[in-house]
Amino acid sequence: YVVRSGAVKTCTTTPDGEEQVTGFHLPGEMVGLDSIGNAGGKYGSTAVALETTAVCAIPFTALEALAGHVPGLQHHLFALMSSTIRTDQQIMQLVGRRPAEARIASLLLSLSARYKRRHLLEDNFRLPMSRSDIGNHLGLALETVSRIFTRLQQSGVLAVHGREVVILDRAKLCALAESKAG
């Protein structure tokens, strides 16, 4: 599926029945790549619309056939899958080794870059996900996420009003994203 408008979160269910947010997908991004190669096309995650969302279903068999006829499409699909793997690896590194502030700064910078690629404002955007979903995705408590957003706002790094975010000091946000535990 390709997200045409809106936003989608993907999640899995842990063995003890809890939801684990595995990703956020914005317009122009693909969802469901985890079903490629699975027996019966089973999906490894569930997709949930975070707001009014439109998606375009692309059957893999049709995509595979088209890639055989359109030069460069197969390469583009491989690059897309590689990018998805890299993003997943970065999130795993964030959750495992970075302080909470660095995790949130990295997520905000990632969203900013993704909005920029879509020719949207990179320093002024709406978070489609809740703070609870952000915490779940980054391995943080809701209270921690809220505290960090408040701290970033008080220090002049961000202006935040509900889900609206304005990056005021990109250099400082980048420095926070690079900070290590210690």
N, C-alpha and C. Protein backbone atom coordinates (compact mmCIF):
# COMPACT_ATOMS: atom_id res chain seq x y z
N TYR A 1 0.84 -1.18 0.00
CA TYR A 1 0.00 0.00 0.00
C TYR A 1 0.88 1.24 0.00
N VAL A 2 0.41 2.26 -0.66
CA VAL A 2 1.07 3.55 -0.61
C VAL A 2 0.12 4.53 0.07
N VAL A 3 0.64 5.26 1.05
CA VAL A 3 -0.17 6.27 1.74
C VAL A 3 -0.31 7.46 0.80
N ARG A 4 -1.53 7.79 0.42
CA ARG A 4 -1.78 8.93 -0.46
C ARG A 4 -1.98 10.22 0.33
N SER A 5 -2.69 10.12 1.44
CA SER A 5 -2.90 11.27 2.31
C SER A 5 -3.12 10.75 3.72
N GLY A 6 -2.88 11.63 4.69
CA GLY A 6 -3.04 11.22 6.08
C GLY A 6 -1.77 10.60 6.62
N ALA A 7 -1.91 9.74 7.60
CA ALA A 7 -0.77 9.08 8.21
C ALA A 7 -1.22 7.75 8.81
N VAL A 8 -0.28 6.81 8.85
CA VAL A 8 -0.55 5.45 9.32
C VAL A 8 0.54 5.07 10.31
N LYS A 9 0.14 4.36 11.36
CA LYS A 9 1.15 3.75 12.22
C LYS A 9 1.08 2.26 11.98
N THR A 10 2.22 1.61 12.09
CA THR A 10 2.25 0.16 12.04
C THR A 10 2.61 -0.33 13.42
N CYS A 11 2.04 -1.46 13.80
CA CYS A 11 2.29 -2.01 15.12
C CYS A 11 2.18 -3.52 15.10
N THR A 12 2.80 -4.12 16.07
CA THR A 12 2.69 -5.55 16.29
C THR A 12 2.14 -5.76 17.70
N THR A 13 1.76 -6.98 17.98
CA THR A 13 1.28 -7.31 19.31
C THR A 13 2.31 -8.21 19.96
N THR A 14 2.75 -7.83 21.14
CA THR A 14 3.73 -8.61 21.87
C THR A 14 3.08 -9.89 22.39
N PRO A 15 3.89 -10.89 22.76
CA PRO A 15 3.31 -12.14 23.28
C PRO A 15 2.38 -11.94 24.47
N ASP A 16 2.60 -10.87 25.25
CA ASP A 16 1.71 -10.63 26.39
C ASP A 16 0.52 -9.75 26.03
N GLY A 17 0.30 -9.53 24.72
CA GLY A 17 -0.89 -8.84 24.25
C GLY A 17 -0.80 -7.33 24.15
N GLU A 18 0.37 -6.75 24.37
CA GLU A 18 0.52 -5.30 24.29
C GLU A 18 0.89 -4.86 22.88
N GLU A 19 0.43 -3.67 22.51
CA GLU A 19 0.75 -3.11 21.21
C GLU A 19 2.15 -2.50 21.25
N GLN A 20 2.94 -2.75 20.19
CA GLN A 20 4.26 -2.14 20.02
C GLN A 20 4.24 -1.39 18.69
N VAL A 21 4.36 -0.06 18.74
CA VAL A 21 4.37 0.75 17.52
C VAL A 21 5.72 0.55 16.84
N THR A 22 5.67 0.13 15.58
CA THR A 22 6.91 -0.16 14.84
C THR A 22 7.26 0.91 13.82
N GLY A 23 6.30 1.78 13.48
CA GLY A 23 6.63 2.83 12.52
C GLY A 23 5.48 3.77 12.26
N PHE A 24 5.83 4.90 11.65
CA PHE A 24 4.86 5.90 11.23
C PHE A 24 5.09 6.15 9.74
N HIS A 25 4.01 6.22 8.97
CA HIS A 25 4.11 6.34 7.53
C HIS A 25 3.31 7.55 7.05
N LEU A 26 3.96 8.38 6.25
CA LEU A 26 3.39 9.63 5.77
C LEU A 26 3.04 9.50 4.28
N PRO A 27 2.36 10.49 3.71
CA PRO A 27 2.01 10.42 2.30
C PRO A 27 3.24 10.15 1.41
N GLY A 28 3.04 9.24 0.46
CA GLY A 28 4.10 8.86 -0.46
C GLY A 28 4.92 7.68 0.02
N GLU A 29 4.70 7.24 1.25
CA GLU A 29 5.47 6.12 1.79
C GLU A 29 4.66 4.83 1.69
N MET A 30 5.40 3.72 1.61
CA MET A 30 4.77 2.41 1.46
C MET A 30 4.58 1.74 2.82
N VAL A 31 3.49 1.00 2.92
CA VAL A 31 3.15 0.21 4.10
C VAL A 31 2.89 -1.21 3.63
N GLY A 32 3.34 -2.18 4.38
CA GLY A 32 3.05 -3.57 4.04
C GLY A 32 4.19 -4.31 3.39
N LEU A 33 5.36 -3.69 3.34
CA LEU A 33 6.50 -4.37 2.73
C LEU A 33 6.87 -5.64 3.50
N ASP A 34 6.44 -5.71 4.76
CA ASP A 34 6.76 -6.89 5.57
C ASP A 34 6.02 -8.15 5.13
N SER A 35 5.10 -8.02 4.18
CA SER A 35 4.39 -9.21 3.69
C SER A 35 5.08 -9.85 2.49
N ILE A 36 6.04 -9.16 1.90
CA ILE A 36 6.72 -9.70 0.72
C ILE A 36 7.50 -10.94 1.13
N GLY A 37 7.24 -12.02 0.44
CA GLY A 37 7.95 -13.26 0.71
C GLY A 37 7.36 -14.10 1.82
N ASN A 38 6.36 -13.59 2.54
CA ASN A 38 5.71 -14.38 3.58
C ASN A 38 4.68 -15.31 2.94
N ALA A 39 4.61 -16.51 3.45
CA ALA A 39 3.64 -17.48 2.94
C ALA A 39 2.24 -16.91 3.04
N GLY A 40 1.53 -16.94 1.95
CA GLY A 40 0.15 -16.45 1.94
C GLY A 40 0.03 -14.95 2.04
N GLY A 41 1.16 -14.21 1.90
CA GLY A 41 1.12 -12.76 1.96
C GLY A 41 0.74 -12.23 3.33
N LYS A 42 1.01 -12.98 4.40
CA LYS A 42 0.67 -12.53 5.74
C LYS A 42 1.52 -11.32 6.12
N TYR A 43 0.88 -10.39 6.77
CA TYR A 43 1.56 -9.18 7.22
C TYR A 43 2.13 -9.40 8.60
N GLY A 44 3.33 -8.87 8.83
CA GLY A 44 3.96 -8.98 10.13
C GLY A 44 3.49 -7.93 11.10
N SER A 45 2.77 -6.94 10.59
CA SER A 45 2.29 -5.86 11.45
C SER A 45 0.89 -5.45 11.02
N THR A 46 0.27 -4.66 11.87
CA THR A 46 -1.06 -4.12 11.59
C THR A 46 -0.89 -2.64 11.29
N ALA A 47 -1.63 -2.15 10.31
CA ALA A 47 -1.61 -0.73 9.97
C ALA A 47 -2.87 -0.07 10.51
N VAL A 48 -2.68 1.09 11.16
CA VAL A 48 -3.80 1.82 11.75
C VAL A 48 -3.73 3.27 11.28
N ALA A 49 -4.81 3.78 10.71
CA ALA A 49 -4.85 5.18 10.30
C ALA A 49 -4.84 6.07 11.54
N LEU A 50 -3.98 7.09 11.52
CA LEU A 50 -3.89 8.03 12.64
C LEU A 50 -4.81 9.23 12.47
N GLU A 51 -5.30 9.41 11.27
CA GLU A 51 -6.20 10.50 10.93
C GLU A 51 -6.91 10.07 9.65
N THR A 52 -7.74 10.91 9.09
CA THR A 52 -8.38 10.55 7.83
C THR A 52 -7.28 10.27 6.81
N THR A 53 -7.29 9.07 6.27
CA THR A 53 -6.19 8.60 5.44
C THR A 53 -6.71 7.91 4.19
N ALA A 54 -6.02 8.12 3.09
CA ALA A 54 -6.31 7.41 1.85
C ALA A 54 -5.05 6.64 1.45
N VAL A 55 -5.25 5.38 1.07
CA VAL A 55 -4.14 4.56 0.61
C VAL A 55 -4.46 4.00 -0.76
N CYS A 56 -3.43 3.63 -1.47
CA CYS A 56 -3.57 3.00 -2.77
C CYS A 56 -3.02 1.58 -2.65
N ALA A 57 -3.88 0.60 -2.89
CA ALA A 57 -3.45 -0.80 -2.82
C ALA A 57 -2.71 -1.16 -4.09
N ILE A 58 -1.56 -1.76 -3.93
CA ILE A 58 -0.77 -2.22 -5.07
C ILE A 58 -0.50 -3.70 -4.87
N PRO A 59 -1.22 -4.57 -5.56
CA PRO A 59 -0.96 -6.01 -5.41
C PRO A 59 0.50 -6.31 -5.80
N PHE A 60 1.17 -7.11 -4.98
CA PHE A 60 2.58 -7.37 -5.21
C PHE A 60 2.81 -8.04 -6.57
N THR A 61 1.90 -8.93 -6.96
CA THR A 61 2.08 -9.60 -8.26
C THR A 61 2.07 -8.59 -9.40
N ALA A 62 1.19 -7.58 -9.30
CA ALA A 62 1.14 -6.54 -10.34
C ALA A 62 2.41 -5.69 -10.31
N LEU A 63 2.87 -5.38 -9.11
CA LEU A 63 4.09 -4.58 -8.96
C LEU A 63 5.29 -5.34 -9.50
N GLU A 64 5.35 -6.62 -9.22
CA GLU A 64 6.44 -7.47 -9.69
C GLU A 64 6.45 -7.55 -11.21
N ALA A 65 5.27 -7.71 -11.81
CA ALA A 65 5.17 -7.78 -13.28
C ALA A 65 5.58 -6.44 -13.90
N LEU A 66 5.12 -5.35 -13.31
CA LEU A 66 5.44 -4.02 -13.82
C LEU A 66 6.95 -3.75 -13.73
N ALA A 67 7.56 -4.20 -12.63
CA ALA A 67 9.00 -4.01 -12.47
C ALA A 67 9.80 -4.72 -13.55
N GLY A 68 9.25 -5.80 -14.10
CA GLY A 68 9.90 -6.51 -15.19
C GLY A 68 9.83 -5.76 -16.51
N HIS A 69 8.91 -4.82 -16.63
CA HIS A 69 8.71 -4.08 -17.88
C HIS A 69 9.19 -2.63 -17.83
N VAL A 70 9.32 -2.09 -16.64
CA VAL A 70 9.71 -0.68 -16.50
C VAL A 70 11.14 -0.60 -15.97
N PRO A 71 12.06 -0.16 -16.83
CA PRO A 71 13.46 -0.08 -16.38
C PRO A 71 13.58 0.85 -15.15
N GLY A 72 14.32 0.40 -14.20
CA GLY A 72 14.58 1.22 -13.02
C GLY A 72 13.59 1.02 -11.88
N LEU A 73 12.42 0.46 -12.15
CA LEU A 73 11.42 0.30 -11.09
C LEU A 73 11.89 -0.71 -10.04
N GLN A 74 12.45 -1.82 -10.51
CA GLN A 74 12.93 -2.82 -9.56
C GLN A 74 14.04 -2.23 -8.68
N HIS A 75 14.94 -1.47 -9.26
CA HIS A 75 16.01 -0.82 -8.49
C HIS A 75 15.41 0.13 -7.45
N HIS A 76 14.40 0.90 -7.88
CA HIS A 76 13.74 1.83 -6.96
C HIS A 76 13.09 1.08 -5.80
N LEU A 77 12.45 -0.04 -6.08
CA LEU A 77 11.81 -0.83 -5.02
C LEU A 77 12.85 -1.38 -4.05
N PHE A 78 13.98 -1.86 -4.57
CA PHE A 78 15.05 -2.35 -3.70
C PHE A 78 15.59 -1.22 -2.83
N ALA A 79 15.76 -0.04 -3.42
CA ALA A 79 16.25 1.12 -2.66
C ALA A 79 15.26 1.49 -1.56
N LEU A 80 13.98 1.42 -1.87
CA LEU A 80 12.93 1.71 -0.89
C LEU A 80 12.97 0.71 0.27
N MET A 81 13.12 -0.57 -0.06
CA MET A 81 13.19 -1.58 1.00
C MET A 81 14.45 -1.40 1.83
N SER A 82 15.55 -1.06 1.19
CA SER A 82 16.79 -0.82 1.91
C SER A 82 16.64 0.35 2.87
N SER A 83 15.99 1.40 2.41
CA SER A 83 15.76 2.58 3.24
C SER A 83 14.90 2.22 4.46
N THR A 84 13.91 1.38 4.25
CA THR A 84 13.04 0.93 5.34
C THR A 84 13.85 0.15 6.37
N ILE A 85 14.72 -0.71 5.91
CA ILE A 85 15.57 -1.50 6.82
C ILE A 85 16.49 -0.57 7.61
N ARG A 86 17.10 0.40 6.93
CA ARG A 86 17.98 1.35 7.62
C ARG A 86 17.23 2.13 8.69
N THR A 87 16.04 2.58 8.36
CA THR A 87 15.23 3.33 9.33
C THR A 87 14.93 2.47 10.55
N ASP A 88 14.55 1.21 10.32
CA ASP A 88 14.27 0.30 11.43
C ASP A 88 15.51 0.09 12.30
N GLN A 89 16.67 -0.03 11.66
CA GLN A 89 17.91 -0.21 12.41
C GLN A 89 18.23 1.03 13.24
N GLN A 90 17.99 2.21 12.68
CA GLN A 90 18.24 3.45 13.42
C GLN A 90 17.34 3.55 14.64
N ILE A 91 16.09 3.15 14.49
CA ILE A 91 15.16 3.18 15.62
C ILE A 91 15.62 2.22 16.71
N MET A 92 16.08 1.03 16.32
CA MET A 92 16.57 0.07 17.31
C MET A 92 17.78 0.64 18.07
N GLN A 93 18.67 1.32 17.35
CA GLN A 93 19.82 1.94 18.00
C GLN A 93 19.38 3.05 18.95
N LEU A 94 18.40 3.83 18.52
CA LEU A 94 17.89 4.91 19.36
C LEU A 94 17.34 4.38 20.67
N VAL A 95 16.47 3.39 20.55
CA VAL A 95 15.79 2.88 21.73
C VAL A 95 16.78 2.24 22.69
N GLY A 96 17.79 1.60 22.16
CA GLY A 96 18.71 0.87 23.00
C GLY A 96 19.80 1.70 23.66
N ARG A 97 20.23 2.78 23.03
CA ARG A 97 21.45 3.43 23.50
C ARG A 97 21.37 4.93 23.72
N ARG A 98 20.30 5.55 23.40
CA ARG A 98 20.24 7.01 23.47
C ARG A 98 19.35 7.48 24.61
N PRO A 99 19.71 8.64 25.18
CA PRO A 99 18.82 9.21 26.20
C PRO A 99 17.48 9.62 25.57
N ALA A 100 16.48 9.76 26.40
CA ALA A 100 15.13 10.06 25.93
C ALA A 100 15.08 11.31 25.04
N GLU A 101 15.79 12.37 25.44
CA GLU A 101 15.78 13.60 24.66
C GLU A 101 16.34 13.38 23.25
N ALA A 102 17.37 12.56 23.14
CA ALA A 102 17.97 12.26 21.84
C ALA A 102 17.01 11.47 20.96
N ARG A 103 16.25 10.58 21.57
CA ARG A 103 15.27 9.79 20.81
C ARG A 103 14.21 10.69 20.19
N ILE A 104 13.69 11.59 21.00
CA ILE A 104 12.64 12.49 20.51
C ILE A 104 13.20 13.46 19.47
N ALA A 105 14.37 14.00 19.72
CA ALA A 105 15.00 14.91 18.75
C ALA A 105 15.22 14.19 17.43
N SER A 106 15.67 12.96 17.47
CA SER A 106 15.89 12.18 16.24
C SER A 106 14.59 11.93 15.49
N LEU A 107 13.54 11.61 16.23
CA LEU A 107 12.24 11.39 15.58
C LEU A 107 11.76 12.68 14.90
N LEU A 108 11.87 13.80 15.59
CA LEU A 108 11.44 15.07 15.01
C LEU A 108 12.25 15.42 13.76
N LEU A 109 13.55 15.18 13.80
CA LEU A 109 14.39 15.45 12.62
C LEU A 109 14.06 14.50 11.47
N SER A 110 13.74 13.27 11.79
CA SER A 110 13.33 12.31 10.76
C SER A 110 12.03 12.76 10.10
N LEU A 111 11.06 13.15 10.91
CA LEU A 111 9.79 13.64 10.35
C LEU A 111 10.02 14.88 9.50
N SER A 112 10.86 15.79 9.99
CA SER A 112 11.18 17.01 9.26
C SER A 112 11.75 16.68 7.88
N ALA A 113 12.69 15.75 7.83
CA ALA A 113 13.31 15.35 6.55
C ALA A 113 12.29 14.70 5.63
N ARG A 114 11.40 13.91 6.19
CA ARG A 114 10.38 13.24 5.37
C ARG A 114 9.38 14.25 4.82
N TYR A 115 9.01 15.26 5.61
CA TYR A 115 8.13 16.31 5.10
C TYR A 115 8.83 17.11 4.01
N LYS A 116 10.10 17.39 4.20
CA LYS A 116 10.87 18.15 3.20
C LYS A 116 10.92 17.40 1.87
N ARG A 117 11.13 16.07 1.92
CA ARG A 117 11.15 15.26 0.68
C ARG A 117 9.83 15.36 -0.07
N ARG A 118 8.76 15.66 0.63
CA ARG A 118 7.45 15.79 -0.01
C ARG A 118 7.12 17.24 -0.34
N HIS A 119 8.16 18.09 -0.28
CA HIS A 119 8.04 19.52 -0.60
C HIS A 119 7.06 20.23 0.31
N LEU A 120 7.06 19.80 1.59
CA LEU A 120 6.27 20.45 2.61
C LEU A 120 7.22 21.18 3.55
N LEU A 121 6.67 21.98 4.44
CA LEU A 121 7.51 22.72 5.38
C LEU A 121 8.25 21.76 6.30
N GLU A 122 9.57 21.92 6.38
CA GLU A 122 10.36 21.02 7.21
C GLU A 122 10.49 21.50 8.65
N ASP A 123 10.23 22.76 8.89
CA ASP A 123 10.38 23.30 10.25
C ASP A 123 9.05 23.65 10.91
N ASN A 124 7.96 23.35 10.25
CA ASN A 124 6.64 23.67 10.78
C ASN A 124 5.68 22.59 10.28
N PHE A 125 5.35 21.66 11.17
CA PHE A 125 4.51 20.54 10.75
C PHE A 125 3.65 20.04 11.90
N ARG A 126 2.70 19.23 11.54
CA ARG A 126 1.76 18.65 12.51
C ARG A 126 2.17 17.20 12.75
N LEU A 127 2.27 16.84 14.01
CA LEU A 127 2.54 15.44 14.35
C LEU A 127 1.24 14.65 14.19
N PRO A 128 1.21 13.67 13.31
CA PRO A 128 -0.02 12.90 13.13
C PRO A 128 -0.26 11.90 14.27
N MET A 129 0.79 11.61 15.02
CA MET A 129 0.67 10.60 16.07
C MET A 129 0.56 11.26 17.44
N SER A 130 0.01 10.50 18.39
CA SER A 130 -0.14 11.00 19.76
C SER A 130 1.20 10.89 20.49
N ARG A 131 1.31 11.58 21.60
CA ARG A 131 2.51 11.46 22.42
C ARG A 131 2.64 10.04 22.98
N SER A 132 1.51 9.41 23.22
CA SER A 132 1.52 8.03 23.68
C SER A 132 2.13 7.11 22.63
N ASP A 133 1.75 7.30 21.36
CA ASP A 133 2.33 6.50 20.27
C ASP A 133 3.82 6.78 20.12
N ILE A 134 4.22 8.04 20.29
CA ILE A 134 5.65 8.38 20.22
C ILE A 134 6.40 7.63 21.31
N GLY A 135 5.86 7.67 22.52
CA GLY A 135 6.50 6.97 23.63
C GLY A 135 6.59 5.47 23.38
N ASN A 136 5.51 4.89 22.92
CA ASN A 136 5.50 3.46 22.63
C ASN A 136 6.56 3.11 21.59
N HIS A 137 6.64 3.91 20.55
CA HIS A 137 7.60 3.67 19.46
C HIS A 137 9.05 3.80 19.93
N LEU A 138 9.30 4.76 20.81
CA LEU A 138 10.67 5.04 21.23
C LEU A 138 11.04 4.41 22.57
N GLY A 139 10.12 3.64 23.16
CA GLY A 139 10.41 3.00 24.43
C GLY A 139 10.43 3.96 25.60
N LEU A 140 9.53 4.94 25.58
CA LEU A 140 9.47 5.96 26.63
C LEU A 140 8.07 6.03 27.21
N ALA A 141 7.98 6.43 28.46
CA ALA A 141 6.68 6.65 29.10
C ALA A 141 6.06 7.93 28.55
N LEU A 142 4.75 7.97 28.50
CA LEU A 142 4.02 9.16 28.04
C LEU A 142 4.46 10.40 28.81
N GLU A 143 4.63 10.28 30.12
CA GLU A 143 5.03 11.42 30.94
C GLU A 143 6.40 11.93 30.53
N THR A 144 7.30 11.03 30.18
CA THR A 144 8.65 11.42 29.74
C THR A 144 8.57 12.19 28.44
N VAL A 145 7.76 11.71 27.50
CA VAL A 145 7.59 12.39 26.21
C VAL A 145 7.05 13.80 26.44
N SER A 146 6.02 13.92 27.27
CA SER A 146 5.44 15.24 27.54
C SER A 146 6.43 16.16 28.20
N ARG A 147 7.20 15.65 29.18
CA ARG A 147 8.21 16.45 29.87
C ARG A 147 9.27 16.96 28.88
N ILE A 148 9.69 16.10 27.97
CA ILE A 148 10.74 16.50 27.03
C ILE A 148 10.22 17.54 26.04
N PHE A 149 9.00 17.38 25.57
CA PHE A 149 8.42 18.41 24.69
C PHE A 149 8.36 19.75 25.42
N THR A 150 7.97 19.72 26.69
CA THR A 150 7.91 20.96 27.48
C THR A 150 9.30 21.56 27.63
N ARG A 151 10.29 20.73 27.93
CA ARG A 151 11.67 21.20 28.10
C ARG A 151 12.21 21.79 26.79
N LEU A 152 11.93 21.13 25.66
CA LEU A 152 12.40 21.64 24.37
C LEU A 152 11.74 22.98 24.03
N GLN A 153 10.51 23.13 24.45
CA GLN A 153 9.81 24.39 24.21
C GLN A 153 10.38 25.48 25.12
N GLN A 154 10.58 25.17 26.39
CA GLN A 154 11.09 26.15 27.34
C GLN A 154 12.52 26.61 26.99
N SER A 155 13.29 25.72 26.38
CA SER A 155 14.66 26.07 26.02
C SER A 155 14.76 26.73 24.64
N GLY A 156 13.62 26.95 23.98
CA GLY A 156 13.62 27.66 22.71
C GLY A 156 13.99 26.82 21.50
N VAL A 157 14.03 25.50 21.67
CA VAL A 157 14.34 24.62 20.54
C VAL A 157 13.10 24.43 19.66
N LEU A 158 11.95 24.32 20.30
CA LEU A 158 10.68 24.11 19.60
C LEU A 158 9.62 25.08 20.09
N ALA A 159 8.65 25.30 19.24
CA ALA A 159 7.39 25.91 19.66
C ALA A 159 6.36 24.80 19.44
N VAL A 160 5.59 24.48 20.47
CA VAL A 160 4.64 23.38 20.38
C VAL A 160 3.27 23.87 20.82
N HIS A 161 2.28 23.58 20.01
CA HIS A 161 0.90 23.88 20.37
C HIS A 161 0.08 22.66 19.98
N GLY A 162 -0.26 21.83 20.98
CA GLY A 162 -0.94 20.57 20.67
C GLY A 162 -0.01 19.68 19.87
N ARG A 163 -0.44 19.35 18.66
CA ARG A 163 0.38 18.51 17.78
C ARG A 163 1.17 19.33 16.76
N GLU A 164 0.97 20.64 16.79
CA GLU A 164 1.72 21.52 15.87
C GLU A 164 3.11 21.78 16.43
N VAL A 165 4.13 21.56 15.61
CA VAL A 165 5.52 21.72 16.04
C VAL A 165 6.23 22.68 15.09
N VAL A 166 6.95 23.62 15.66
CA VAL A 166 7.81 24.51 14.88
C VAL A 166 9.22 24.34 15.43
N ILE A 167 10.14 23.96 14.55
CA ILE A 167 11.54 23.84 14.96
C ILE A 167 12.15 25.24 14.90
N LEU A 168 12.55 25.75 16.06
CA LEU A 168 13.09 27.10 16.16
C LEU A 168 14.62 27.11 16.12
N ASP A 169 15.24 26.06 16.64
CA ASP A 169 16.70 25.98 16.70
C ASP A 169 17.14 24.60 16.22
N ARG A 170 17.27 24.47 14.89
CA ARG A 170 17.61 23.18 14.28
C ARG A 170 18.98 22.69 14.74
N ALA A 171 19.95 23.59 14.86
CA ALA A 171 21.30 23.19 15.27
C ALA A 171 21.27 22.54 16.65
N LYS A 172 20.53 23.13 17.56
CA LYS A 172 20.45 22.58 18.92
C LYS A 172 19.70 21.24 18.91
N LEU A 173 18.65 21.13 18.07
CA LEU A 173 17.91 19.88 17.97
C LEU A 173 18.82 18.78 17.41
N CYS A 174 19.64 19.12 16.43
CA CYS A 174 20.60 18.16 15.86
C CYS A 174 21.61 17.73 16.92
N ALA A 175 22.09 18.66 17.71
CA ALA A 175 23.05 18.34 18.77
C ALA A 175 22.42 17.40 19.80
N LEU A 176 21.16 17.66 20.14
CA LEU A 176 20.46 16.79 21.09
C LEU A 176 20.30 15.39 20.52
N ALA A 177 20.00 15.30 19.22
CA ALA A 177 19.82 13.99 18.58
C ALA A 177 21.10 13.16 18.61
N GLU A 178 22.24 13.85 18.62
CA GLU A 178 23.54 13.16 18.61
C GLU A 178 24.05 12.82 20.00
N SER A 179 23.37 13.33 21.04
CA SER A 179 23.87 13.11 22.40
C SER A 179 23.79 11.64 22.77
N LYS A 180 24.77 11.22 23.56
CA LYS A 180 24.87 9.82 23.97
C LYS A 180 24.52 9.70 25.45
N ALA A 181 24.15 8.49 25.83
CA ALA A 181 23.85 8.23 27.25
C ALA A 181 25.12 8.39 28.06
N GLY A 182 24.97 8.86 29.24
CA GLY A 182 26.17 8.96 30.03
C GLY A 182 25.97 9.85 31.17
